[in-house]
Protein backbone atom coordinates (compact mmCIF):
# COMPACT_ATOMS: atom_id res chain seq x y z
CA MET A 1 0.00 0.00 0.00
CA ASP A 2 1.24 3.50 -0.87
CA GLU A 3 2.61 5.07 2.34
CA THR A 4 1.54 8.53 1.17
CA LEU A 5 -2.07 7.37 1.02
CA ILE A 6 -1.82 5.82 4.48
CA ALA A 7 -0.36 9.04 5.89
CA GLN A 8 -3.20 11.08 4.38
CA VAL A 9 -5.82 8.79 5.89
CA ARG A 10 -4.21 9.08 9.31
CA ARG A 11 -4.07 12.87 9.00
CA PHE A 12 -7.76 12.94 8.08
CA ASN A 13 -8.59 10.75 11.11
CA ARG A 14 -6.71 13.06 13.45
CA THR A 15 -8.43 16.16 12.08
CA VAL A 16 -11.90 14.63 12.35
CA THR A 17 -11.50 13.21 15.85
CA GLU A 18 -10.18 16.58 17.09
CA ARG A 19 -12.86 18.66 15.36
CA VAL A 20 -15.86 16.59 16.45
CA GLY A 21 -14.66 16.29 20.04
CA ALA A 22 -14.04 12.55 20.01
CA LEU A 23 -10.94 13.05 22.19
CA ASN A 24 -13.00 14.57 24.98
CA ASP A 25 -14.38 12.16 27.62
CA ARG A 26 -17.34 14.54 27.97
CA PHE A 27 -18.55 14.26 24.37
CA LEU A 28 -20.92 17.08 23.34
CA GLY A 29 -20.76 18.41 26.89
CA ARG A 30 -22.91 15.61 28.27
CA GLY A 31 -20.48 14.06 30.74
CA ARG A 32 -19.93 10.78 28.90
CA PRO A 33 -17.45 9.50 26.27
CA ILE A 34 -18.34 9.22 22.60
CA GLY A 35 -18.79 5.43 22.83
CA GLU A 36 -21.68 5.74 25.29
CA ALA A 37 -23.22 8.62 23.33
CA ARG A 38 -23.12 6.65 20.08
CA LEU A 39 -24.62 3.62 21.79
CA LEU A 40 -27.58 5.66 23.04
CA TRP A 41 -28.18 6.92 19.51
CA GLU A 42 -27.99 3.42 17.99
CA ILE A 43 -30.39 1.92 20.56
CA GLY A 44 -32.99 4.41 19.36
CA GLU A 45 -36.65 4.63 20.31
CA GLU A 46 -37.49 1.00 19.51
CA GLY A 47 -34.62 -0.72 21.35
CA ARG A 48 -32.10 -3.13 19.83
CA ASP A 49 -30.84 -6.68 20.09
CA VAL A 50 -27.48 -6.55 21.90
CA ARG A 51 -25.91 -8.83 19.28
CA GLN A 52 -27.11 -6.54 16.51
CA LEU A 53 -25.59 -3.55 18.28
CA ARG A 54 -22.26 -5.32 18.62
CA ALA A 55 -22.19 -6.18 14.92
CA GLN A 56 -23.45 -2.75 13.82
CA LEU A 57 -20.75 -0.89 15.74
CA GLY A 58 -17.98 -3.46 15.32
CA LEU A 59 -17.42 -3.76 19.07
CA ASP A 60 -16.12 -6.74 20.98
CA SER A 61 -18.50 -8.17 23.55
CA GLY A 62 -16.38 -7.10 26.53
CA TYR A 63 -16.25 -3.43 25.56
CA LEU A 64 -19.95 -3.35 24.70
CA SER A 65 -20.75 -4.90 28.09
CA ARG A 66 -18.74 -2.17 29.85
CA LEU A 67 -20.60 0.54 27.93
CA LEU A 68 -23.96 -1.01 28.77
CA ARG A 69 -23.06 -1.37 32.46
CA SER A 70 -22.22 2.33 32.61
CA LEU A 71 -25.51 3.30 30.96
CA LEU A 72 -27.39 0.91 33.28
CA ALA A 73 -25.74 2.47 36.32
CA ASP A 74 -26.87 5.91 35.15
CA GLY A 75 -30.44 4.65 34.71
CA LEU A 76 -30.45 5.36 30.97
CA VAL A 77 -31.15 1.85 29.65
CA THR A 78 -32.65 -1.50 30.56
CA VAL A 79 -31.31 -4.84 29.35
CA GLU A 80 -33.67 -7.80 29.38
CA PRO A 81 -33.77 -11.26 27.76
CA LEU A 82 -36.48 -11.97 25.22
CA PRO A 83 -39.27 -14.09 26.76
CA ARG A 84 -39.17 -16.52 23.81
CA ASP A 85 -35.37 -16.85 23.78
CA LYS A 86 -33.42 -16.10 26.95
CA ARG A 87 -30.14 -16.10 24.98
CA VAL A 88 -31.19 -12.92 23.17
CA ARG A 89 -30.94 -9.72 25.18
CA THR A 90 -32.71 -6.52 24.21
CA VAL A 91 -31.57 -3.08 25.33
CA ARG A 92 -34.07 -0.21 25.55
CA LEU A 93 -33.89 3.42 26.60
CA THR A 94 -35.54 4.49 29.81
CA THR A 95 -37.34 7.82 30.00
CA ALA A 96 -34.10 9.34 31.25
CA GLY A 97 -32.24 7.66 28.39
CA GLN A 98 -34.65 9.14 25.83
CA GLU A 99 -34.15 12.60 27.33
CA GLU A 100 -30.37 12.13 27.22
CA ARG A 101 -30.55 11.03 23.58
CA GLU A 102 -32.61 14.11 22.70
CA ALA A 103 -30.05 16.34 24.42
CA LEU A 104 -27.24 14.65 22.51
CA ASP A 105 -29.15 15.22 19.26
CA ARG A 106 -29.53 18.93 20.03
CA ASN A 107 -25.87 19.32 20.89
CA SER A 108 -24.85 17.31 17.82
CA ASN A 109 -26.87 19.67 15.62
CA GLU A 110 -25.08 22.61 17.23
CA LEU A 111 -21.71 20.97 16.59
CA ALA A 112 -22.60 20.39 12.94
CA ALA A 113 -23.63 24.03 12.60
CA SER A 114 -20.33 25.13 14.17
CA LEU A 115 -18.45 23.18 11.51
CA LEU A 116 -20.28 25.00 8.74
CA GLU A 117 -20.60 28.49 10.26
CA PRO A 118 -17.02 29.76 9.58
CA LEU A 119 -17.16 28.69 5.92
CA THR A 120 -18.48 30.48 2.88
CA GLU A 121 -21.54 29.10 1.14
CA ALA A 122 -19.36 27.56 -1.57
CA GLN A 123 -17.10 25.97 1.05
CA ARG A 124 -20.11 24.55 2.88
CA ASP A 125 -21.37 22.92 -0.30
CA ARG A 126 -17.90 21.48 -0.96
CA LEU A 127 -17.56 20.16 2.58
CA VAL A 128 -21.00 18.52 2.66
CA SER A 129 -20.47 17.02 -0.81
CA ALA A 130 -17.06 15.67 0.25
CA MET A 131 -18.56 14.23 3.43
CA GLY A 132 -21.18 12.42 1.39
CA GLU A 133 -18.50 10.89 -0.81
CA VAL A 134 -16.39 9.89 2.20
CA ASP A 135 -19.45 8.33 3.83
CA ARG A 136 -20.15 6.23 0.71
CA LEU A 137 -16.55 5.11 0.37
CA LEU A 138 -16.16 4.23 4.05
CA THR A 139 -19.41 2.27 3.88
CA ALA A 140 -18.09 0.44 0.81
CA SER A 141 -14.93 -0.45 2.74
CA MET A 142 -17.06 -2.11 5.44
CA VAL A 143 -18.68 -4.56 3.02
CA SER A 144 -17.26 -8.08 3.26
CA VAL A 145 -17.51 -10.66 0.48
CA ALA A 146 -17.01 -14.37 1.06
CA ALA A 147 -17.86 -17.74 -0.43
CA THR A 148 -21.04 -19.07 1.18
CA ASP A 149 -22.99 -22.29 1.00
CA PRO A 150 -26.10 -21.66 -1.13
CA GLU A 151 -28.43 -23.17 1.47
CA THR A 152 -27.50 -20.82 4.32
CA PRO A 153 -30.20 -18.34 5.42
CA GLU A 154 -28.12 -15.42 4.07
CA ALA A 155 -27.79 -17.03 0.65
CA GLN A 156 -31.47 -17.93 0.54
CA TYR A 157 -32.39 -14.37 1.48
CA CYS A 158 -30.33 -13.02 -1.41
CA MET A 159 -31.93 -15.44 -3.86
CA GLN A 160 -35.44 -14.56 -2.72
CA GLU A 161 -34.77 -10.83 -2.98
CA TYR A 162 -33.11 -11.34 -6.37
CA PHE A 163 -36.11 -13.25 -7.75
CA ALA A 164 -38.51 -10.67 -6.30
CA GLU A 165 -36.66 -7.81 -7.99
CA LEU A 166 -36.64 -9.58 -11.34
CA GLY A 167 -40.38 -10.12 -10.95
CA ARG A 168 -40.89 -6.38 -10.44
CA ARG A 169 -38.63 -5.25 -13.26
CA PHE A 170 -39.34 -7.72 -16.06
CA ASP A 171 -42.30 -6.83 -18.27
CA SER A 172 -43.56 -10.41 -18.08
CA GLY A 173 -42.65 -10.94 -14.42
CA PHE A 174 -40.25 -13.69 -13.39
CA ASP A 175 -40.91 -17.34 -12.58
CA PRO A 176 -37.80 -19.21 -11.36
CA VAL A 177 -39.31 -22.48 -12.53
CA ARG A 178 -39.22 -21.30 -16.16
CA SER A 179 -35.65 -19.99 -15.92
CA ILE A 180 -32.53 -22.14 -16.37
CA PRO A 181 -31.81 -23.37 -12.83
CA ALA A 182 -28.79 -22.80 -10.67
CA ASP A 183 -29.44 -25.40 -8.00
CA PRO A 184 -27.51 -25.43 -4.70
CA ASP A 185 -25.36 -28.39 -5.78
CA GLU A 186 -24.34 -26.40 -8.87
CA LEU A 187 -23.23 -23.43 -6.75
CA ARG A 188 -20.96 -25.17 -4.27
CA PRO A 189 -17.43 -26.49 -4.94
CA PRO A 190 -16.32 -28.20 -7.04
CA ALA A 191 -19.29 -27.59 -9.33
CA GLY A 192 -19.54 -23.88 -8.64
CA LEU A 193 -19.24 -21.04 -6.17
CA LEU A 194 -21.54 -18.55 -4.49
CA LEU A 195 -20.30 -15.24 -3.08
CA VAL A 196 -22.43 -13.32 -0.59
CA ALA A 197 -21.71 -9.73 0.44
CA HIS A 198 -22.51 -8.46 3.94
CA LEU A 199 -22.71 -4.95 5.33
CA HIS A 200 -22.42 -5.43 9.08
CA THR A 201 -24.60 -8.54 9.53
CA GLN A 202 -27.00 -7.88 6.67
CA PRO A 203 -26.60 -9.72 3.35
CA VAL A 204 -26.58 -7.06 0.60
CA GLY A 205 -25.50 -8.84 -2.56
CA CYS A 206 -24.50 -12.06 -4.25
CA GLY A 207 -23.01 -13.54 -7.38
CA ALA A 208 -22.32 -17.11 -8.47
CA LEU A 209 -20.27 -19.24 -10.84
CA LYS A 210 -21.15 -22.51 -12.53
CA PHE A 211 -18.05 -24.39 -13.65
CA ARG A 212 -18.78 -26.47 -16.74
CA GLY A 213 -15.60 -28.48 -17.30
CA ASP A 214 -13.97 -27.43 -20.56
CA GLU A 215 -17.02 -25.33 -21.46
CA PRO A 216 -17.11 -21.62 -20.53
CA THR A 217 -17.81 -20.83 -16.89
CA GLU A 218 -21.17 -19.15 -16.33
CA ILE A 219 -21.87 -16.16 -14.09
CA LYS A 220 -25.25 -16.39 -12.38
CA ARG A 221 -27.36 -14.74 -9.70
CA MET A 222 -25.75 -11.30 -9.73
CA TRP A 223 -27.71 -9.06 -7.36
CA VAL A 224 -27.09 -6.00 -5.15
CA ALA A 225 -29.60 -4.81 -2.56
CA PRO A 226 -31.06 -1.34 -3.15
CA SER A 227 -29.60 -0.21 0.18
CA ALA A 228 -26.06 -1.02 -1.05
CA ARG A 229 -26.24 0.48 -4.53
CA GLY A 230 -23.84 3.26 -5.38
CA LEU A 231 -21.04 1.59 -3.41
CA GLY A 232 -19.39 -0.16 -6.36
CA LEU A 233 -20.45 -3.53 -4.95
CA GLY A 234 -21.68 -4.94 -8.26
CA ARG A 235 -18.29 -4.22 -9.84
CA ARG A 236 -16.53 -5.74 -6.86
CA LEU A 237 -18.62 -8.93 -6.99
CA LEU A 238 -18.02 -9.25 -10.72
CA THR A 239 -14.28 -8.72 -10.28
CA GLU A 240 -14.06 -11.33 -7.53
CA LEU A 241 -16.06 -13.85 -9.55
CA GLU A 242 -13.65 -13.31 -12.45
CA ALA A 243 -10.69 -13.87 -10.14
CA HIS A 244 -12.17 -17.11 -8.82
CA ALA A 245 -13.03 -18.28 -12.33
CA ALA A 246 -9.52 -17.55 -13.59
CA ARG A 247 -7.99 -19.64 -10.80
CA HIS A 248 -10.44 -22.51 -10.49
CA GLY A 249 -12.22 -22.99 -13.80
CA ARG A 250 -10.74 -25.11 -16.58
CA SER A 251 -12.09 -22.70 -19.19
CA ARG A 252 -10.78 -19.14 -19.34
CA VAL A 253 -13.99 -17.88 -20.95
CA LEU A 254 -16.80 -16.45 -18.86
CA ARG A 255 -20.38 -16.27 -20.07
CA LEU A 256 -23.53 -14.62 -18.79
CA GLU A 257 -26.96 -13.66 -20.03
CA THR A 258 -29.23 -10.83 -18.91
CA ASN A 259 -32.58 -9.21 -19.53
CA GLY A 260 -32.98 -5.98 -21.49
CA ALA A 261 -34.74 -4.33 -18.54
CA LEU A 262 -31.54 -4.50 -16.47
CA THR A 263 -29.85 -1.55 -18.15
CA GLU A 264 -27.43 -0.94 -15.27
CA ALA A 265 -26.21 -4.54 -15.41
CA ILE A 266 -25.75 -4.34 -19.18
CA GLY A 267 -23.71 -1.15 -18.76
CA LEU A 268 -21.57 -2.81 -16.10
CA TYR A 269 -20.81 -5.85 -18.23
CA ARG A 270 -19.89 -3.78 -21.26
CA SER A 271 -17.65 -1.46 -19.25
CA ALA A 272 -15.97 -4.51 -17.68
CA GLY A 273 -14.96 -5.86 -21.09
CA TYR A 274 -17.78 -8.27 -21.84
CA ALA A 275 -18.66 -8.53 -25.54
CA GLU A 276 -22.08 -9.38 -26.93
CA ALA A 277 -22.24 -12.96 -28.18
CA ASP A 278 -24.69 -15.21 -29.97
CA ALA A 279 -27.26 -16.86 -27.73
CA PHE A 280 -25.56 -19.84 -26.09
CA ASN A 281 -28.61 -21.12 -24.20
CA ASP A 282 -32.40 -20.98 -24.35
CA GLU A 283 -32.95 -18.83 -21.25
CA PRO A 284 -36.50 -17.48 -21.80
CA TYR A 285 -35.84 -14.24 -19.91
CA ALA A 286 -32.60 -13.31 -21.68
CA HIS A 287 -32.23 -10.61 -24.34
CA HIS A 288 -28.44 -10.28 -24.24
CA TRP A 289 -25.63 -12.82 -24.02
CA PHE A 290 -22.06 -11.81 -23.13
CA GLU A 291 -18.60 -13.38 -23.10
CA LYS A 292 -15.21 -12.40 -21.74
CA ARG A 293 -11.84 -14.14 -21.57
CA VAL A 294 -10.01 -13.91 -18.25
CA THR A 295 -6.36 -14.67 -17.58
CA PRO A 296 -5.09 -15.98 -14.22
CA GLU A 297 -2.45 -13.80 -12.60
CA PRO A 298 0.40 -15.47 -10.69
CA SER A 299 0.08 -12.96 -7.86
CA ALA A 300 -3.68 -13.24 -7.57
CA GLY A 301 -4.97 -14.44 -4.25
CA ILE A 302 -7.74 -13.95 -1.73
CA ARG A 303 -7.12 -12.06 1.47
CA PRO A 304 -7.93 -14.44 4.31
CA GLY A 305 -11.37 -13.88 5.77
CA THR A 306 -12.44 -11.26 3.24
CA GLY A 307 -13.03 -12.98 -0.08
CA ARG A 308 -11.24 -10.02 -1.68
CA PRO A 309 -8.59 -10.54 -4.34
CA VAL A 310 -5.13 -9.21 -3.57
CA ARG A 311 -4.84 -8.37 -7.24
CA ALA A 312 -8.15 -8.27 -9.04
CA VAL A 313 -8.96 -9.31 -12.59
CA GLY A 314 -11.10 -6.72 -14.31
CA THR A 315 -11.53 -2.96 -14.46
CA PRO A 316 -11.60 -0.15 -11.90
CA ALA A 317 -14.48 -0.01 -9.46
CA GLY A 318 -17.75 1.70 -10.30
CA PRO A 319 -21.45 1.56 -9.41
CA ARG A 320 -23.72 -1.31 -10.33
CA ARG A 321 -27.23 -2.33 -9.54
CA SER A 322 -28.88 -5.66 -10.21
CA GLY A 323 -28.43 -8.23 -12.92
CA ARG A 324 -28.69 -11.86 -13.87
């Protein structure tokens, strides 16, 4: 990694933590550190599952427990097991906790205004626009992609959402029974591969490969959740599928088909180097068929635990929505 880039990121982190008061153990003047303040905000009016909170904020269980004990001692939250499952604990704000959260919101608004006040109108627009871009990119960096068994709940969720979206977008609707299947046994090694993307604990995308011996490998089930669009996740999934195909498939040719209604997917495939081809199957919902040749790279590899190529096959990242 370029050391200049790393230094710039660290400088940005220092500036932000200083300017928003994260270094102060009395964040926003409320007598508690930023961790407790953020936890109150995340619990919200409806309450949250403690496990969900831990995953959402990326906290280890010990640190989260210390934060909750402090909020409990101050009478700001309650923590109770669910009646139907004692292993699941739910944290809720007390009346005092709701009042504290409202005070934090007011002070946070004042802090945001103080960031903008010294700037000109043009500078404010630039800062807010830059913040939006940073937010999108940091969110993209939190997405994990990994090979997943197609019969896990996360994989099944992605498939159901994928089918539902095709049903909404296709003029004739979508019936999986009519479409060429990609059964679970075809999407697990050695016959194939399914990648599932997660943002925190929520599955937000998928993509699959069907290895066909000496025949071209097929890309199937490409989908990105609406909540994760604009993060470049479709491009990332496509790139990682290409990397896997280049290493594990006997054929170096990738094929896919898609429907004409999926204009974003068609744009992605073309920009990633896929060329239109003659129809190579009788998929009833397909209007376009694409092919691309991929070449394995000696240095290509997957970072442990991430599913991300060290050196990707494909083109630079960009936005993508849903596709077949």
